[in-house]
C-alpha cells in the first residue's frame, strides 16, 4: 500500500527565498526521519508558498492511514507553515 500526498503550504514568516529553503529543508529532514519521501514540486520561486509531494509505503491500509495521520499531525503542528491544500491518494501495486 502506498500513500501519495500533494500539499500546498503557506509560509507566512518567510521573508526571503533563503528563509523558505530553511523551512522546507527542516520539514524534509523531519519527514525523512520517519521514512517518508518528500520533494518540493512547484513554486520554487515564491518565497511564501510551496508545493510539496510526499509518499510512503505501508504493509496494509490500516498502517497507511495510521502513518498518514502521524504525518499530518506533525505537519499541522509545524509553527512556520499553514497547509492550504491537502490531496491524498492510496494505491496498491
PDB file of N, CA and C in Angstrom:
ATOM      1  N   UNK A   1       0.851  -1.168   0.000  1.00  0.00           N
ATOM      2  CA  UNK A   1       0.000   0.000   0.000  1.00  0.00           C
ATOM      3  C   UNK A   1       0.897   1.231   0.000  1.00  0.00           C
ATOM      4  N   UNK A   2       0.609   2.140  -0.898  1.00  0.00           N
ATOM      5  CA  UNK A   2       1.346   3.398  -0.989  1.00  0.00           C
ATOM      6  C   UNK A   2       0.396   4.554  -0.738  1.00  0.00           C
ATOM      7  N   UNK A   3       0.897   5.580  -0.091  1.00  0.00           N
ATOM      8  CA  UNK A   3       0.132   6.808   0.110  1.00  0.00           C
ATOM      9  C   UNK A   3       0.918   7.941  -0.520  1.00  0.00           C
ATOM     10  N   UNK A   4       0.266   8.681  -1.396  1.00  0.00           N
ATOM     11  CA  UNK A   4       0.859   9.857  -2.036  1.00  0.00           C
ATOM     12  C   UNK A   4       0.065  11.079  -1.593  1.00  0.00           C
ATOM     13  N   UNK A   5       0.756  12.108  -1.184  1.00  0.00           N
ATOM     14  CA  UNK A   5       0.111  13.332  -0.721  1.00  0.00           C
ATOM     15  C   UNK A   5       0.736  14.516  -1.442  1.00  0.00           C
ATOM     16  N   UNK A   6      -0.123  15.379  -1.949  1.00  0.00           N
ATOM     17  CA  UNK A   6       0.322  16.650  -2.536  1.00  0.00           C
ATOM     18  C   UNK A   6      -0.233  17.748  -1.647  1.00  0.00           C
ATOM     19  N   UNK A   7       0.655  18.571  -1.122  1.00  0.00           N
ATOM     20  CA  UNK A   7       0.172  19.636  -0.265  1.00  0.00           C
ATOM     21  C   UNK A   7       0.754  20.967  -0.679  1.00  0.00           C
ATOM     22  N   UNK A   8      -0.080  21.955  -0.570  1.00  0.00           N
ATOM     23  CA  UNK A   8       0.332  23.328  -0.827  1.00  0.00           C
ATOM     24  C   UNK A   8       0.331  24.031   0.518  1.00  0.00           C
ATOM     25  N   UNK A   9       1.432  24.699   0.810  1.00  0.00           N
ATOM     26  CA  UNK A   9       1.571  25.345   2.115  1.00  0.00           C
ATOM     27  C   UNK A   9       1.890  26.824   1.952  1.00  0.00           C
ATOM     28  N   UNK A  10       1.499  27.571   2.965  1.00  0.00           N
ATOM     29  CA  UNK A  10       1.855  28.979   3.058  1.00  0.00           C
ATOM     30  C   UNK A  10       2.907  29.107   4.153  1.00  0.00           C
ATOM     31  N   UNK A  11       3.866  29.962   3.911  1.00  0.00           N
ATOM     32  CA  UNK A  11       4.953  30.198   4.862  1.00  0.00           C
ATOM     33  C   UNK A  11       4.912  31.677   5.262  1.00  0.00           C
ATOM     34  N   UNK A  12       4.007  32.048   6.166  1.00  0.00           N
ATOM     35  CA  UNK A  12       3.780  33.469   6.465  1.00  0.00           C
ATOM     36  C   UNK A  12       4.962  34.177   7.120  1.00  0.00           C
ATOM     37  N   UNK A  13       5.865  33.436   7.758  1.00  0.00           N
ATOM     38  CA  UNK A  13       7.000  34.066   8.438  1.00  0.00           C
ATOM     39  C   UNK A  13       8.240  34.136   7.560  1.00  0.00           C
ATOM     40  N   UNK A  14       8.146  33.642   6.359  1.00  0.00           N
ATOM     41  CA  UNK A  14       9.277  33.654   5.447  1.00  0.00           C
ATOM     42  C   UNK A  14       9.383  35.033   4.794  1.00  0.00           C
ATOM     43  N   UNK A  15      10.575  35.615   4.845  1.00  0.00           N
ATOM     44  CA  UNK A  15      10.758  36.940   4.252  1.00  0.00           C
ATOM     45  C   UNK A  15      11.698  36.920   3.050  1.00  0.00           C
ATOM     46  N   UNK A  16      12.180  35.726   2.680  1.00  0.00           N
ATOM     47  CA  UNK A  16      13.063  35.606   1.528  1.00  0.00           C
ATOM     48  C   UNK A  16      13.084  34.152   1.079  1.00  0.00           C
ATOM     49  N   UNK A  17      13.669  33.911  -0.085  1.00  0.00           N
ATOM     50  CA  UNK A  17      13.815  32.539  -0.556  1.00  0.00           C
ATOM     51  C   UNK A  17      14.728  31.735   0.371  1.00  0.00           C
ATOM     52  N   UNK A  18      15.689  32.401   0.980  1.00  0.00           N
ATOM     53  CA  UNK A  18      16.580  31.718   1.920  1.00  0.00           C
ATOM     54  C   UNK A  18      15.791  31.214   3.134  1.00  0.00           C
ATOM     55  N   UNK A  19      14.900  32.046   3.673  1.00  0.00           N
ATOM     56  CA  UNK A  19      14.046  31.618   4.789  1.00  0.00           C
ATOM     57  C   UNK A  19      13.176  30.439   4.378  1.00  0.00           C
ATOM     58  N   UNK A  20      12.608  30.534   3.176  1.00  0.00           N
ATOM     59  CA  UNK A  20      11.753  29.456   2.686  1.00  0.00           C
ATOM     60  C   UNK A  20      12.541  28.154   2.583  1.00  0.00           C
ATOM     61  N   UNK A  21      13.724  28.203   1.993  1.00  0.00           N
ATOM     62  CA  UNK A  21      14.530  26.999   1.829  1.00  0.00           C
ATOM     63  C   UNK A  21      14.883  26.370   3.172  1.00  0.00           C
ATOM     64  N   UNK A  22      15.165  27.192   4.176  1.00  0.00           N
ATOM     65  CA  UNK A  22      15.480  26.666   5.507  1.00  0.00           C
ATOM     66  C   UNK A  22      14.273  25.946   6.104  1.00  0.00           C
ATOM     67  N   UNK A  23      13.103  26.541   5.959  1.00  0.00           N
ATOM     68  CA  UNK A  23      11.885  25.933   6.492  1.00  0.00           C
ATOM     69  C   UNK A  23      11.561  24.638   5.759  1.00  0.00           C
ATOM     70  N   UNK A  24      11.615  24.658   4.432  1.00  0.00           N
ATOM     71  CA  UNK A  24      11.315  23.461   3.637  1.00  0.00           C
ATOM     72  C   UNK A  24      12.333  22.367   3.944  1.00  0.00           C
ATOM     73  N   UNK A  25      13.597  22.713   4.073  1.00  0.00           N
ATOM     74  CA  UNK A  25      14.627  21.723   4.400  1.00  0.00           C
ATOM     75  C   UNK A  25      14.353  21.095   5.768  1.00  0.00           C
ATOM     76  N   UNK A  26      13.944  21.901   6.725  1.00  0.00           N
ATOM     77  CA  UNK A  26      13.633  21.386   8.051  1.00  0.00           C
ATOM     78  C   UNK A  26      12.458  20.399   7.996  1.00  0.00           C
ATOM     79  N   UNK A  27      11.439  20.723   7.225  1.00  0.00           N
ATOM     80  CA  UNK A  27      10.277  19.838   7.058  1.00  0.00           C
ATOM     81  C   UNK A  27      10.717  18.531   6.402  1.00  0.00           C
ATOM     82  N   UNK A  28      11.517  18.637   5.345  1.00  0.00           N
ATOM     83  CA  UNK A  28      12.006  17.441   4.647  1.00  0.00           C
ATOM     84  C   UNK A  28      12.811  16.547   5.591  1.00  0.00           C
ATOM     85  N   UNK A  29      13.680  17.142   6.377  1.00  0.00           N
ATOM     86  CA  UNK A  29      14.512  16.357   7.297  1.00  0.00           C
ATOM     87  C   UNK A  29      13.661  15.613   8.322  1.00  0.00           C
ATOM     88  N   UNK A  30      12.664  16.280   8.867  1.00  0.00           N
ATOM     89  CA  UNK A  30      11.794  15.641   9.854  1.00  0.00           C
ATOM     90  C   UNK A  30      11.015  14.477   9.249  1.00  0.00           C
ATOM     91  N   UNK A  31      10.531  14.660   8.025  1.00  0.00           N
ATOM     92  CA  UNK A  31       9.749  13.594   7.390  1.00  0.00           C
ATOM     93  C   UNK A  31      10.637  12.431   6.962  1.00  0.00           C
ATOM     94  N   UNK A  32      11.822  12.721   6.499  1.00  0.00           N
ATOM     95  CA  UNK A  32      12.725  11.644   6.076  1.00  0.00           C
ATOM     96  C   UNK A  32      13.121  10.766   7.248  1.00  0.00           C
ATOM     97  N   UNK A  33      13.199  11.333   8.449  1.00  0.00           N
ATOM     98  CA  UNK A  33      13.482  10.530   9.643  1.00  0.00           C
ATOM     99  C   UNK A  33      12.349   9.538   9.919  1.00  0.00           C
ATOM    100  N   UNK A  34      11.183   9.803   9.364  1.00  0.00           N
ATOM    101  CA  UNK A  34      10.025   8.913   9.536  1.00  0.00           C
ATOM    102  C   UNK A  34       9.789   8.053   8.294  1.00  0.00           C
ATOM    103  N   UNK A  35      10.802   7.923   7.455  1.00  0.00           N
ATOM    104  CA  UNK A  35      10.752   7.105   6.231  1.00  0.00           C
ATOM    105  C   UNK A  35       9.683   7.584   5.251  1.00  0.00           C
ATOM    106  N   UNK A  36       9.606   8.891   5.073  1.00  0.00           N
ATOM    107  CA  UNK A  36       8.691   9.495   4.109  1.00  0.00           C
ATOM    108  C   UNK A  36       9.539  10.202   3.056  1.00  0.00           C
ATOM    109  N   UNK A  37       9.283   9.913   1.792  1.00  0.00           N
ATOM    110  CA  UNK A  37       9.980  10.598   0.705  1.00  0.00           C
ATOM    111  C   UNK A  37       9.234  11.890   0.403  1.00  0.00           C
ATOM    112  N   UNK A  38       9.967  12.979   0.232  1.00  0.00           N
ATOM    113  CA  UNK A  38       9.330  14.274   0.005  1.00  0.00           C
ATOM    114  C   UNK A  38      10.165  15.093  -0.967  1.00  0.00           C
ATOM    115  N   UNK A  39       9.465  15.860  -1.799  1.00  0.00           N
ATOM    116  CA  UNK A  39      10.116  16.733  -2.767  1.00  0.00           C
ATOM    117  C   UNK A  39       9.282  18.004  -2.916  1.00  0.00           C
ATOM    118  N   UNK A  40       9.960  19.127  -3.097  1.00  0.00           N
ATOM    119  CA  UNK A  40       9.251  20.371  -3.421  1.00  0.00           C
ATOM    120  C   UNK A  40       9.040  20.362  -4.930  1.00  0.00           C
ATOM    121  N   UNK A  41       7.788  20.374  -5.361  1.00  0.00           N
ATOM    122  CA  UNK A  41       7.496  20.154  -6.768  1.00  0.00           C
ATOM    123  C   UNK A  41       7.066  21.401  -7.547  1.00  0.00           C
ATOM    124  N   UNK A  42       6.741  22.475  -6.874  1.00  0.00           N
ATOM    125  CA  UNK A  42       6.273  23.659  -7.582  1.00  0.00           C
ATOM    126  C   UNK A  42       6.477  24.885  -6.698  1.00  0.00           C
ATOM    127  N   UNK A  43       6.370  26.050  -7.317  1.00  0.00           N
ATOM    128  CA  UNK A  43       6.505  27.346  -6.650  1.00  0.00           C
ATOM    129  C   UNK A  43       7.865  27.550  -5.999  1.00  0.00           C
ATOM    130  N   UNK A  44       8.918  27.089  -6.659  1.00  0.00           N
ATOM    131  CA  UNK A  44      10.257  27.257  -6.112  1.00  0.00           C
ATOM    132  C   UNK A  44      10.684  28.723  -6.052  1.00  0.00           C
ATOM    133  N   UNK A  45      10.098  29.588  -6.875  1.00  0.00           N
ATOM    134  CA  UNK A  45      10.479  30.999  -6.886  1.00  0.00           C
ATOM    135  C   UNK A  45       9.623  31.866  -5.975  1.00  0.00           C
ATOM    136  N   UNK A  46       8.594  31.303  -5.388  1.00  0.00           N
ATOM    137  CA  UNK A  46       7.724  32.039  -4.481  1.00  0.00           C
ATOM    138  C   UNK A  46       8.232  31.855  -3.058  1.00  0.00           C
ATOM    139  N   UNK A  47       8.458  32.939  -2.320  1.00  0.00           N
ATOM    140  CA  UNK A  47       9.085  32.806  -1.015  1.00  0.00           C
ATOM    141  C   UNK A  47       8.094  32.619   0.126  1.00  0.00           C
ATOM    142  N   UNK A  48       6.784  32.705  -0.125  1.00  0.00           N
ATOM    143  CA  UNK A  48       5.823  32.447   0.951  1.00  0.00           C
ATOM    144  C   UNK A  48       4.866  31.305   0.641  1.00  0.00           C
ATOM    145  N   UNK A  49       5.111  30.559  -0.414  1.00  0.00           N
ATOM    146  CA  UNK A  49       4.281  29.412  -0.762  1.00  0.00           C
ATOM    147  C   UNK A  49       5.173  28.293  -1.283  1.00  0.00           C
ATOM    148  N   UNK A  50       4.738  27.059  -1.046  1.00  0.00           N
ATOM    149  CA  UNK A  50       5.466  25.897  -1.552  1.00  0.00           C
ATOM    150  C   UNK A  50       4.472  24.790  -1.846  1.00  0.00           C
ATOM    151  N   UNK A  51       4.788  23.990  -2.846  1.00  0.00           N
ATOM    152  CA  UNK A  51       4.015  22.793  -3.153  1.00  0.00           C
ATOM    153  C   UNK A  51       4.969  21.621  -2.951  1.00  0.00           C
ATOM    154  N   UNK A  52       4.564  20.703  -2.090  1.00  0.00           N
ATOM    155  CA  UNK A  52       5.396  19.547  -1.795  1.00  0.00           C
ATOM    156  C   UNK A  52       4.593  18.278  -2.043  1.00  0.00           C
ATOM    157  N   UNK A  53       5.304  17.256  -2.483  1.00  0.00           N
ATOM    158  CA  UNK A  53       4.680  15.955  -2.686  1.00  0.00           C
ATOM    159  C   UNK A  53       5.450  14.950  -1.846  1.00  0.00           C
ATOM    160  N   UNK A  54       4.703  14.127  -1.133  1.00  0.00           N
ATOM    161  CA  UNK A  54       5.336  13.129  -0.292  1.00  0.00           C
ATOM    162  C   UNK A  54       4.686  11.777  -0.521  1.00  0.00           C
ATOM    163  N   UNK A  55       5.452  10.735  -0.259  1.00  0.00           N
ATOM    164  CA  UNK A  55       4.950   9.378  -0.426  1.00  0.00           C
ATOM    165  C   UNK A  55       5.617   8.461   0.588  1.00  0.00           C
ATOM    166  N   UNK A  56       4.880   7.420   0.948  1.00  0.00           N
ATOM    167  CA  UNK A  56       5.429   6.400   1.831  1.00  0.00           C
ATOM    168  C   UNK A  56       4.712   5.090   1.566  1.00  0.00           C
ATOM    169  N   UNK A  57       5.343   4.016   1.997  1.00  0.00           N
ATOM    170  CA  UNK A  57       4.784   2.680   1.822  1.00  0.00           C
ATOM    171  C   UNK A  57       4.385   2.129   3.185  1.00  0.00           C
ATOM    172  N   UNK A  58       3.364   1.275   3.161  1.00  0.00           N
ATOM    173  CA  UNK A  58       2.905   0.592   4.372  1.00  0.00           C
ATOM    174  C   UNK A  58       2.457  -0.809   3.987  1.00  0.00           C
ATOM    175  N   UNK A  59       2.396  -1.696   4.968  1.00  0.00           N
ATOM    176  CA  UNK A  59       2.051  -3.086   4.660  1.00  0.00           C
ATOM    177  C   UNK A  59       0.551  -3.320   4.550  1.00  0.00           C
ATOM    178  N   UNK A  60      -0.261  -2.380   5.059  1.00  0.00           N
ATOM    179  CA  UNK A  60      -1.715  -2.543   4.972  1.00  0.00           C
ATOM    180  C   UNK A  60      -2.378  -1.179   4.902  1.00  0.00           C
ATOM    181  N   UNK A  61      -3.658  -1.191   4.579  1.00  0.00           N
ATOM    182  CA  UNK A  61      -4.412   0.065   4.509  1.00  0.00           C
ATOM    183  C   UNK A  61      -4.474   0.727   5.882  1.00  0.00           C
ATOM    184  N   UNK A  62      -4.653  -0.066   6.918  1.00  0.00           N
ATOM    185  CA  UNK A  62      -4.700   0.483   8.274  1.00  0.00           C
ATOM    186  C   UNK A  62      -3.386   1.123   8.683  1.00  0.00           C
ATOM    187  N   UNK A  63      -2.286   0.469   8.340  1.00  0.00           N
ATOM    188  CA  UNK A  63      -0.967   1.022   8.654  1.00  0.00           C
ATOM    189  C   UNK A  63      -0.711   2.303   7.866  1.00  0.00           C
ATOM    190  N   UNK A  64      -1.177   2.346   6.619  1.00  0.00           N
ATOM    191  CA  UNK A  64      -1.009   3.548   5.794  1.00  0.00           C
ATOM    192  C   UNK A  64      -1.811   4.715   6.366  1.00  0.00           C
ATOM    193  N   UNK A  65      -3.026   4.450   6.799  1.00  0.00           N
ATOM    194  CA  UNK A  65      -3.841   5.515   7.387  1.00  0.00           C
ATOM    195  C   UNK A  65      -3.243   6.008   8.702  1.00  0.00           C
ATOM    196  N   UNK A  66      -2.709   5.085   9.487  1.00  0.00           N
ATOM    197  CA  UNK A  66      -2.078   5.473  10.747  1.00  0.00           C
ATOM    198  C   UNK A  66      -0.852   6.353  10.491  1.00  0.00           C
ATOM    199  N   UNK A  67      -0.027   5.963   9.533  1.00  0.00           N
ATOM    200  CA  UNK A  67       1.162   6.750   9.187  1.00  0.00           C
ATOM    201  C   UNK A  67       0.757   8.106   8.613  1.00  0.00           C
ATOM    202  N   UNK A  68      -0.282   8.118   7.765  1.00  0.00           N
ATOM    203  CA  UNK A  68      -0.772   9.375   7.209  1.00  0.00           C
ATOM    204  C   UNK A  68      -1.229  10.320   8.312  1.00  0.00           C
ATOM    205  N   UNK A  69      -1.947   9.794   9.306  1.00  0.00           N
ATOM    206  CA  UNK A  69      -2.397  10.626  10.423  1.00  0.00           C
ATOM    207  C   UNK A  69      -1.220  11.163  11.232  1.00  0.00           C
ATOM    208  N   UNK A  70      -0.198  10.345  11.406  1.00  0.00           N
ATOM    209  CA  UNK A  70       1.013  10.766  12.118  1.00  0.00           C
ATOM    210  C   UNK A  70       1.720  11.906  11.363  1.00  0.00           C
ATOM    211  N   UNK A  71       1.846  11.745  10.049  1.00  0.00           N
ATOM    212  CA  UNK A  71       2.497  12.767   9.222  1.00  0.00           C
ATOM    213  C   UNK A  71       1.675  14.053   9.232  1.00  0.00           C
ATOM    214  N   UNK A  72       0.367  13.923   9.090  1.00  0.00           N
ATOM    215  CA  UNK A  72      -0.498  15.102   9.075  1.00  0.00           C
ATOM    216  C   UNK A  72      -0.427  15.851  10.409  1.00  0.00           C
ATOM    217  N   UNK A  73      -0.453  15.120  11.511  1.00  0.00           N
ATOM    218  CA  UNK A  73      -0.364  15.767  12.826  1.00  0.00           C
ATOM    219  C   UNK A  73       0.962  16.501  12.979  1.00  0.00           C
ATOM    220  N   UNK A  74       2.050  15.881  12.508  1.00  0.00           N
ATOM    221  CA  UNK A  74       3.349  16.527  12.588  1.00  0.00           C
ATOM    222  C   UNK A  74       3.367  17.819  11.768  1.00  0.00           C
ATOM    223  N   UNK A  75       2.803  17.764  10.561  1.00  0.00           N
ATOM    224  CA  UNK A  75       2.795  18.944   9.707  1.00  0.00           C
ATOM    225  C   UNK A  75       1.872  20.039  10.245  1.00  0.00           C
ATOM    226  N   UNK A  76       0.728  19.648  10.793  1.00  0.00           N
ATOM    227  CA  UNK A  76      -0.185  20.644  11.354  1.00  0.00           C
ATOM    228  C   UNK A  76       0.412  21.327  12.581  1.00  0.00           C
ATOM    229  N   UNK A  77       1.294  20.639  13.286  1.00  0.00           N
ATOM    230  CA  UNK A  77       1.942  21.221  14.450  1.00  0.00           C
ATOM    231  C   UNK A  77       3.181  22.031  14.131  1.00  0.00           C
ATOM    232  N   UNK A  78       3.536  22.109  12.860  1.00  0.00           N
ATOM    233  CA  UNK A  78       4.733  22.849  12.472  1.00  0.00           C
ATOM    234  C   UNK A  78       4.419  24.348  12.507  1.00  0.00           C
ATOM    235  N   UNK A  79       5.084  25.125  13.355  1.00  0.00           N
ATOM    236  CA  UNK A  79       4.675  26.521  13.581  1.00  0.00           C
ATOM    237  C   UNK A  79       4.930  27.486  12.426  1.00  0.00           C
ATOM    238  N   UNK A  80       5.876  27.172  11.535  1.00  0.00           N
ATOM    239  CA  UNK A  80       6.231  28.125  10.484  1.00  0.00           C
ATOM    240  C   UNK A  80       5.403  27.993   9.214  1.00  0.00           C
ATOM    241  N   UNK A  81       4.425  27.086   9.187  1.00  0.00           N
ATOM    242  CA  UNK A  81       3.667  26.910   7.948  1.00  0.00           C
ATOM    243  C   UNK A  81       2.199  26.636   8.213  1.00  0.00           C
ATOM    244  N   UNK A  82       1.411  26.912   7.186  1.00  0.00           N
ATOM    245  CA  UNK A  82      -0.026  26.660   7.209  1.00  0.00           C
ATOM    246  C   UNK A  82      -0.353  25.846   5.962  1.00  0.00           C
ATOM    247  N   UNK A  83      -1.023  24.717   6.138  1.00  0.00           N
ATOM    248  CA  UNK A  83      -1.411  23.882   5.000  1.00  0.00           C
ATOM    249  C   UNK A  83      -2.663  24.470   4.369  1.00  0.00           C
ATOM    250  N   UNK A  84      -2.584  24.807   3.088  1.00  0.00           N
ATOM    251  CA  UNK A  84      -3.762  25.349   2.405  1.00  0.00           C
ATOM    252  C   UNK A  84      -4.477  24.289   1.566  1.00  0.00           C
ATOM    253  N   UNK A  85      -3.742  23.298   1.042  1.00  0.00           N
ATOM    254  CA  UNK A  85      -4.353  22.221   0.251  1.00  0.00           C
ATOM    255  C   UNK A  85      -3.694  20.901   0.615  1.00  0.00           C
ATOM    256  N   UNK A  86      -4.511  19.874   0.798  1.00  0.00           N
ATOM    257  CA  UNK A  86      -4.023  18.519   1.113  1.00  0.00           C
ATOM    258  C   UNK A  86      -4.779  17.556   0.220  1.00  0.00           C
ATOM    259  N   UNK A  87      -4.089  16.931  -0.738  1.00  0.00           N
ATOM    260  CA  UNK A  87      -4.698  15.941  -1.626  1.00  0.00           C
ATOM    261  C   UNK A  87      -3.955  14.630  -1.434  1.00  0.00           C
ATOM    262  N   UNK A  88      -4.692  13.578  -1.156  1.00  0.00           N
ATOM    263  CA  UNK A  88      -4.037  12.293  -0.921  1.00  0.00           C
ATOM    264  C   UNK A  88      -4.625  11.208  -1.811  1.00  0.00           C
ATOM    265  N   UNK A  89      -3.800  10.194  -2.028  1.00  0.00           N
ATOM    266  CA  UNK A  89      -4.194   9.073  -2.872  1.00  0.00           C
ATOM    267  C   UNK A  89      -3.543   7.818  -2.319  1.00  0.00           C
ATOM    268  N   UNK A  90      -4.350   6.789  -2.092  1.00  0.00           N
ATOM    269  CA  UNK A  90      -3.840   5.485  -1.666  1.00  0.00           C
ATOM    270  C   UNK A  90      -3.874   4.557  -2.846  1.00  0.00           C
ATOM    271  N   UNK A  91      -2.824   3.746  -3.007  1.00  0.00           N
ATOM    272  CA  UNK A  91      -2.795   2.813  -4.138  1.00  0.00           C
ATOM    273  C   UNK A  91      -2.098   1.525  -3.729  1.00  0.00           C
ATOM    274  N   UNK A  92      -2.538   0.447  -4.328  1.00  0.00           N
ATOM    275  CA  UNK A  92      -1.907  -0.863  -4.178  1.00  0.00           C
ATOM    276  C   UNK A  92      -1.173  -1.179  -5.475  1.00  0.00           C
ATOM    277  N   UNK A  93       0.042  -1.643  -5.362  1.00  0.00           N
ATOM    278  CA  UNK A  93       0.786  -2.035  -6.556  1.00  0.00           C
ATOM    279  C   UNK A  93       1.141  -3.490  -6.482  1.00  0.00           C
TER     280      UNK A  93
END
